[in-house]
């Protein structure tokens, strides 16, 4: 038997209540044909802040909201297997990825674990520039079919506002 874990225990208890009232009436393809790439930051209430309901969009969350090879993989599947045609890339203010460096983070891991990770940390300093870089990665990927409807934004964690980043 596993040890008690307060946060996980609370989540599983909430799930039991949710499951008791659950109605499985959604199709796998998102009804708005929308995919959202955003940060894993817990301050971003994706569904509430962006007016989405379950079943309307694929939401891909990653550290910093950065478009990596694995995000491209997920977007490719989202488009080709499940019909999404529009993509939102959303970074946010006061992101923790702005407070660390790739080299420093990797050095800390190597010092603690004795091994340097093979993956890029993908830190950044300028939000708008990194949103543009993520949008360029989508535009340059041969695996992303629908590239015309890709827009980037910065979500302000203090005001709840979305501010569009125009591509360069």
C-alpha atoms as a PDB file:
ATOM      1  CA  UNK A   1       0.000   0.000   0.000  1.00  0.00           C
ATOM      2  CA  UNK A   2       1.274   3.482  -0.833  1.00  0.00           C
ATOM      3  CA  UNK A   3       1.969   6.156   1.737  1.00  0.00           C
ATOM      4  CA  UNK A   4      -0.623   8.891   2.322  1.00  0.00           C
ATOM      5  CA  UNK A   5      -0.218  11.822  -0.060  1.00  0.00           C
ATOM      6  CA  UNK A   6      -2.494  14.718   0.966  1.00  0.00           C
ATOM      7  CA  UNK A   7      -2.744  16.461  -2.425  1.00  0.00           C
ATOM      8  CA  UNK A   8      -3.239  13.229  -4.383  1.00  0.00           C
ATOM      9  CA  UNK A   9      -5.697  11.900  -1.791  1.00  0.00           C
ATOM     10  CA  UNK A  10      -7.752  15.119  -2.112  1.00  0.00           C
ATOM     11  CA  UNK A  11      -7.726  14.841  -5.905  1.00  0.00           C
ATOM     12  CA  UNK A  12      -8.856  11.207  -5.888  1.00  0.00           C
ATOM     13  CA  UNK A  13     -11.633  12.025  -3.391  1.00  0.00           C
ATOM     14  CA  UNK A  14     -12.806  14.881  -5.622  1.00  0.00           C
ATOM     15  CA  UNK A  15     -12.685  12.536  -8.598  1.00  0.00           C
ATOM     16  CA  UNK A  16     -14.931  10.034  -6.838  1.00  0.00           C
ATOM     17  CA  UNK A  17     -17.549  12.766  -6.380  1.00  0.00           C
ATOM     18  CA  UNK A  18     -17.098  13.905  -9.980  1.00  0.00           C
ATOM     19  CA  UNK A  19     -17.378  10.365 -11.359  1.00  0.00           C
ATOM     20  CA  UNK A  20     -20.620   9.784  -9.451  1.00  0.00           C
ATOM     21  CA  UNK A  21     -22.265  12.570 -11.514  1.00  0.00           C
ATOM     22  CA  UNK A  22     -20.274  12.085 -14.736  1.00  0.00           C
ATOM     23  CA  UNK A  23     -21.874  11.893 -18.164  1.00  0.00           C
ATOM     24  CA  UNK A  24     -19.582  10.621 -20.936  1.00  0.00           C
ATOM     25  CA  UNK A  25     -21.151  12.516 -23.812  1.00  0.00           C
ATOM     26  CA  UNK A  26     -18.152  14.074 -25.572  1.00  0.00           C
ATOM     27  CA  UNK A  27     -16.477  13.113 -28.831  1.00  0.00           C
ATOM     28  CA  UNK A  28     -12.675  12.817 -28.956  1.00  0.00           C
ATOM     29  CA  UNK A  29     -12.180  15.505 -31.628  1.00  0.00           C
ATOM     30  CA  UNK A  30     -12.427  18.953 -30.023  1.00  0.00           C
ATOM     31  CA  UNK A  31     -15.618  20.680 -31.150  1.00  0.00           C
ATOM     32  CA  UNK A  32     -13.921  24.056 -31.768  1.00  0.00           C
ATOM     33  CA  UNK A  33     -11.121  22.392 -33.764  1.00  0.00           C
ATOM     34  CA  UNK A  34      -8.716  24.304 -31.493  1.00  0.00           C
ATOM     35  CA  UNK A  35      -5.427  23.349 -29.867  1.00  0.00           C
ATOM     36  CA  UNK A  36      -3.910  25.484 -27.096  1.00  0.00           C
ATOM     37  CA  UNK A  37      -0.243  25.327 -26.106  1.00  0.00           C
ATOM     38  CA  UNK A  38       0.397  27.038 -22.791  1.00  0.00           C
ATOM     39  CA  UNK A  39       2.515  26.868 -19.681  1.00  0.00           C
ATOM     40  CA  UNK A  40       1.991  24.318 -16.940  1.00  0.00           C
ATOM     41  CA  UNK A  41       1.815  27.197 -14.414  1.00  0.00           C
ATOM     42  CA  UNK A  42      -1.028  26.564 -11.972  1.00  0.00           C
ATOM     43  CA  UNK A  43      -2.057  30.243 -12.083  1.00  0.00           C
ATOM     44  CA  UNK A  44      -3.456  29.850 -15.609  1.00  0.00           C
ATOM     45  CA  UNK A  45      -7.076  28.678 -15.418  1.00  0.00           C
ATOM     46  CA  UNK A  46      -7.169  27.682 -19.082  1.00  0.00           C
ATOM     47  CA  UNK A  47     -10.811  26.729 -19.425  1.00  0.00           C
ATOM     48  CA  UNK A  48     -12.226  29.596 -17.363  1.00  0.00           C
ATOM     49  CA  UNK A  49      -9.870  32.323 -18.659  1.00  0.00           C
ATOM     50  CA  UNK A  50     -10.382  31.463 -22.320  1.00  0.00           C
ATOM     51  CA  UNK A  51     -14.078  30.597 -22.257  1.00  0.00           C
ATOM     52  CA  UNK A  52     -13.598  26.936 -23.028  1.00  0.00           C
ATOM     53  CA  UNK A  53     -15.623  23.935 -21.922  1.00  0.00           C
ATOM     54  CA  UNK A  54     -14.615  20.281 -21.823  1.00  0.00           C
ATOM     55  CA  UNK A  55     -14.547  18.795 -25.292  1.00  0.00           C
ATOM     56  CA  UNK A  56     -13.902  22.082 -27.099  1.00  0.00           C
ATOM     57  CA  UNK A  57     -10.079  22.190 -27.350  1.00  0.00           C
ATOM     58  CA  UNK A  58      -6.921  20.201 -26.884  1.00  0.00           C
ATOM     59  CA  UNK A  59      -4.789  21.800 -24.177  1.00  0.00           C
ATOM     60  CA  UNK A  60      -1.071  21.036 -24.236  1.00  0.00           C
ATOM     61  CA  UNK A  61       0.767  22.292 -21.169  1.00  0.00           C
ATOM     62  CA  UNK A  62       4.537  22.418 -20.914  1.00  0.00           C
ATOM     63  CA  UNK A  63       7.102  24.343 -18.892  1.00  0.00           C
ATOM     64  CA  UNK A  64       7.050  27.887 -20.234  1.00  0.00           C
ATOM     65  CA  UNK A  65       4.481  27.048 -22.914  1.00  0.00           C
ATOM     66  CA  UNK A  66       7.471  26.472 -25.180  1.00  0.00           C
ATOM     67  CA  UNK A  67       6.907  24.590 -28.434  1.00  0.00           C
ATOM     68  CA  UNK A  68       9.309  21.639 -28.247  1.00  0.00           C
ATOM     69  CA  UNK A  69       9.587  18.485 -30.357  1.00  0.00           C
ATOM     70  CA  UNK A  70       7.111  16.755 -28.045  1.00  0.00           C
ATOM     71  CA  UNK A  71       4.633  19.624 -28.430  1.00  0.00           C
ATOM     72  CA  UNK A  72       5.002  19.340 -32.219  1.00  0.00           C
ATOM     73  CA  UNK A  73       4.267  15.614 -31.844  1.00  0.00           C
ATOM     74  CA  UNK A  74       1.085  16.365 -29.878  1.00  0.00           C
ATOM     75  CA  UNK A  75      -0.020  19.098 -32.288  1.00  0.00           C
ATOM     76  CA  UNK A  76       0.561  16.791 -35.261  1.00  0.00           C
ATOM     77  CA  UNK A  77      -1.657  14.130 -33.691  1.00  0.00           C
ATOM     78  CA  UNK A  78      -4.204  16.783 -32.711  1.00  0.00           C
ATOM     79  CA  UNK A  79      -4.442  17.983 -36.306  1.00  0.00           C
ATOM     80  CA  UNK A  80      -4.018  14.840 -38.346  1.00  0.00           C
ATOM     81  CA  UNK A  81      -5.921  12.376 -36.187  1.00  0.00           C
ATOM     82  CA  UNK A  82      -8.436  14.634 -34.444  1.00  0.00           C
ATOM     83  CA  UNK A  83      -9.099  17.523 -36.812  1.00  0.00           C
ATOM     84  CA  UNK A  84      -7.831  20.665 -35.096  1.00  0.00           C
ATOM     85  CA  UNK A  85      -7.228  23.553 -37.479  1.00  0.00           C
ATOM     86  CA  UNK A  86      -6.470  26.521 -35.204  1.00  0.00           C
ATOM     87  CA  UNK A  87      -3.563  26.857 -32.764  1.00  0.00           C
ATOM     88  CA  UNK A  88      -3.065  29.207 -29.833  1.00  0.00           C
ATOM     89  CA  UNK A  89       0.372  29.651 -28.248  1.00  0.00           C
ATOM     90  CA  UNK A  90       0.122  31.301 -24.828  1.00  0.00           C
ATOM     91  CA  UNK A  91       2.979  32.305 -22.540  1.00  0.00           C
ATOM     92  CA  UNK A  92       2.384  34.312 -19.359  1.00  0.00           C
ATOM     93  CA  UNK A  93       3.748  37.100 -17.209  1.00  0.00           C
ATOM     94  CA  UNK A  94       6.007  36.335 -14.249  1.00  0.00           C
ATOM     95  CA  UNK A  95       6.941  32.928 -15.706  1.00  0.00           C
ATOM     96  CA  UNK A  96       9.400  30.860 -13.701  1.00  0.00           C
ATOM     97  CA  UNK A  97      11.281  29.969 -16.888  1.00  0.00           C
ATOM     98  CA  UNK A  98      12.476  33.587 -16.974  1.00  0.00           C
ATOM     99  CA  UNK A  99      14.222  33.219 -13.614  1.00  0.00           C
ATOM    100  CA  UNK A 100      16.570  30.375 -14.535  1.00  0.00           C
ATOM    101  CA  UNK A 101      19.101  29.688 -17.281  1.00  0.00           C
ATOM    102  CA  UNK A 102      19.561  26.554 -19.361  1.00  0.00           C
ATOM    103  CA  UNK A 103      23.214  26.187 -18.390  1.00  0.00           C
ATOM    104  CA  UNK A 104      22.611  26.905 -14.712  1.00  0.00           C
ATOM    105  CA  UNK A 105      19.701  24.480 -14.439  1.00  0.00           C
ATOM    106  CA  UNK A 106      21.609  21.728 -16.241  1.00  0.00           C
ATOM    107  CA  UNK A 107      24.688  22.342 -14.054  1.00  0.00           C
ATOM    108  CA  UNK A 108      22.562  22.086 -10.907  1.00  0.00           C
ATOM    109  CA  UNK A 109      21.078  18.798 -12.101  1.00  0.00           C
ATOM    110  CA  UNK A 110      24.504  17.440 -12.965  1.00  0.00           C
ATOM    111  CA  UNK A 111      25.876  18.480  -9.552  1.00  0.00           C
ATOM    112  CA  UNK A 112      22.917  16.872  -7.727  1.00  0.00           C
ATOM    113  CA  UNK A 113      22.472  13.760  -9.868  1.00  0.00           C
ATOM    114  CA  UNK A 114      25.825  13.201 -11.517  1.00  0.00           C
ATOM    115  CA  UNK A 115      24.318  13.365 -14.992  1.00  0.00           C
ATOM    116  CA  UNK A 116      23.438  16.249 -17.304  1.00  0.00           C
ATOM    117  CA  UNK A 117      20.025  15.971 -19.009  1.00  0.00           C
ATOM    118  CA  UNK A 118      20.066  15.403 -22.771  1.00  0.00           C
ATOM    119  CA  UNK A 119      17.096  17.729 -23.315  1.00  0.00           C
ATOM    120  CA  UNK A 120      17.000  21.504 -23.665  1.00  0.00           C
ATOM    121  CA  UNK A 121      15.561  23.386 -20.702  1.00  0.00           C
ATOM    122  CA  UNK A 122      14.238  26.143 -23.033  1.00  0.00           C
ATOM    123  CA  UNK A 123      14.446  29.115 -20.656  1.00  0.00           C
ATOM    124  CA  UNK A 124      13.897  32.617 -22.026  1.00  0.00           C
ATOM    125  CA  UNK A 125      14.076  36.253 -20.981  1.00  0.00           C
ATOM    126  CA  UNK A 126      11.685  38.040 -23.363  1.00  0.00           C
ATOM    127  CA  UNK A 127       8.090  36.793 -23.426  1.00  0.00           C
ATOM    128  CA  UNK A 128       7.032  38.209 -26.792  1.00  0.00           C
ATOM    129  CA  UNK A 129      10.223  37.003 -28.485  1.00  0.00           C
ATOM    130  CA  UNK A 130       9.734  33.493 -27.140  1.00  0.00           C
ATOM    131  CA  UNK A 131       6.090  33.415 -28.250  1.00  0.00           C
ATOM    132  CA  UNK A 132       7.318  34.385 -31.730  1.00  0.00           C
ATOM    133  CA  UNK A 133       9.973  31.666 -31.619  1.00  0.00           C
ATOM    134  CA  UNK A 134       7.349  29.062 -30.684  1.00  0.00           C
ATOM    135  CA  UNK A 135       5.121  30.252 -33.535  1.00  0.00           C
ATOM    136  CA  UNK A 136       8.102  30.010 -35.949  1.00  0.00           C
ATOM    137  CA  UNK A 137       8.745  26.447 -34.800  1.00  0.00           C
ATOM    138  CA  UNK A 138       5.160  25.596 -35.700  1.00  0.00           C
ATOM    139  CA  UNK A 139       5.438  27.407 -39.059  1.00  0.00           C
ATOM    140  CA  UNK A 140       8.691  25.614 -39.888  1.00  0.00           C
ATOM    141  CA  UNK A 141       7.551  22.132 -38.907  1.00  0.00           C
ATOM    142  CA  UNK A 142       6.718  19.765 -41.752  1.00  0.00           C
ATOM    143  CA  UNK A 143       4.455  17.877 -39.341  1.00  0.00           C
ATOM    144  CA  UNK A 144       2.002  20.724 -38.753  1.00  0.00           C
ATOM    145  CA  UNK A 145      -0.563  20.769 -41.545  1.00  0.00           C
ATOM    146  CA  UNK A 146      -2.650  23.831 -40.634  1.00  0.00           C
ATOM    147  CA  UNK A 147      -0.314  26.810 -40.216  1.00  0.00           C
ATOM    148  CA  UNK A 148      -2.550  29.694 -41.290  1.00  0.00           C
ATOM    149  CA  UNK A 149      -4.480  29.974 -38.056  1.00  0.00           C
ATOM    150  CA  UNK A 150      -1.657  30.169 -35.499  1.00  0.00           C
ATOM    151  CA  UNK A 151      -1.758  33.072 -33.061  1.00  0.00           C
ATOM    152  CA  UNK A 152       0.344  33.898 -30.043  1.00  0.00           C
ATOM    153  CA  UNK A 153      -0.483  35.653 -26.783  1.00  0.00           C
ATOM    154  CA  UNK A 154       0.860  36.540 -23.356  1.00  0.00           C
ATOM    155  CA  UNK A 155      -1.544  35.959 -20.459  1.00  0.00           C
ATOM    156  CA  UNK A 156      -1.157  38.413 -17.581  1.00  0.00           C
ATOM    157  CA  UNK A 157      -1.369  36.418 -14.341  1.00  0.00           C
ATOM    158  CA  UNK A 158      -2.148  39.617 -12.398  1.00  0.00           C
ATOM    159  CA  UNK A 159      -5.008  40.987 -14.529  1.00  0.00           C
ATOM    160  CA  UNK A 160      -6.247  37.861 -16.345  1.00  0.00           C
ATOM    161  CA  UNK A 161      -5.893  39.626 -19.704  1.00  0.00           C
ATOM    162  CA  UNK A 162      -4.624  38.120 -22.940  1.00  0.00           C
ATOM    163  CA  UNK A 163      -2.351  40.309 -25.024  1.00  0.00           C
ATOM    164  CA  UNK A 164      -1.682  39.299 -28.609  1.00  0.00           C
ATOM    165  CA  UNK A 165       1.879  39.012 -29.845  1.00  0.00           C
ATOM    166  CA  UNK A 166       2.164  39.921 -33.483  1.00  0.00           C
ATOM    167  CA  UNK A 167       4.463  37.694 -35.514  1.00  0.00           C
ATOM    168  CA  UNK A 168       7.627  39.361 -36.728  1.00  0.00           C
END
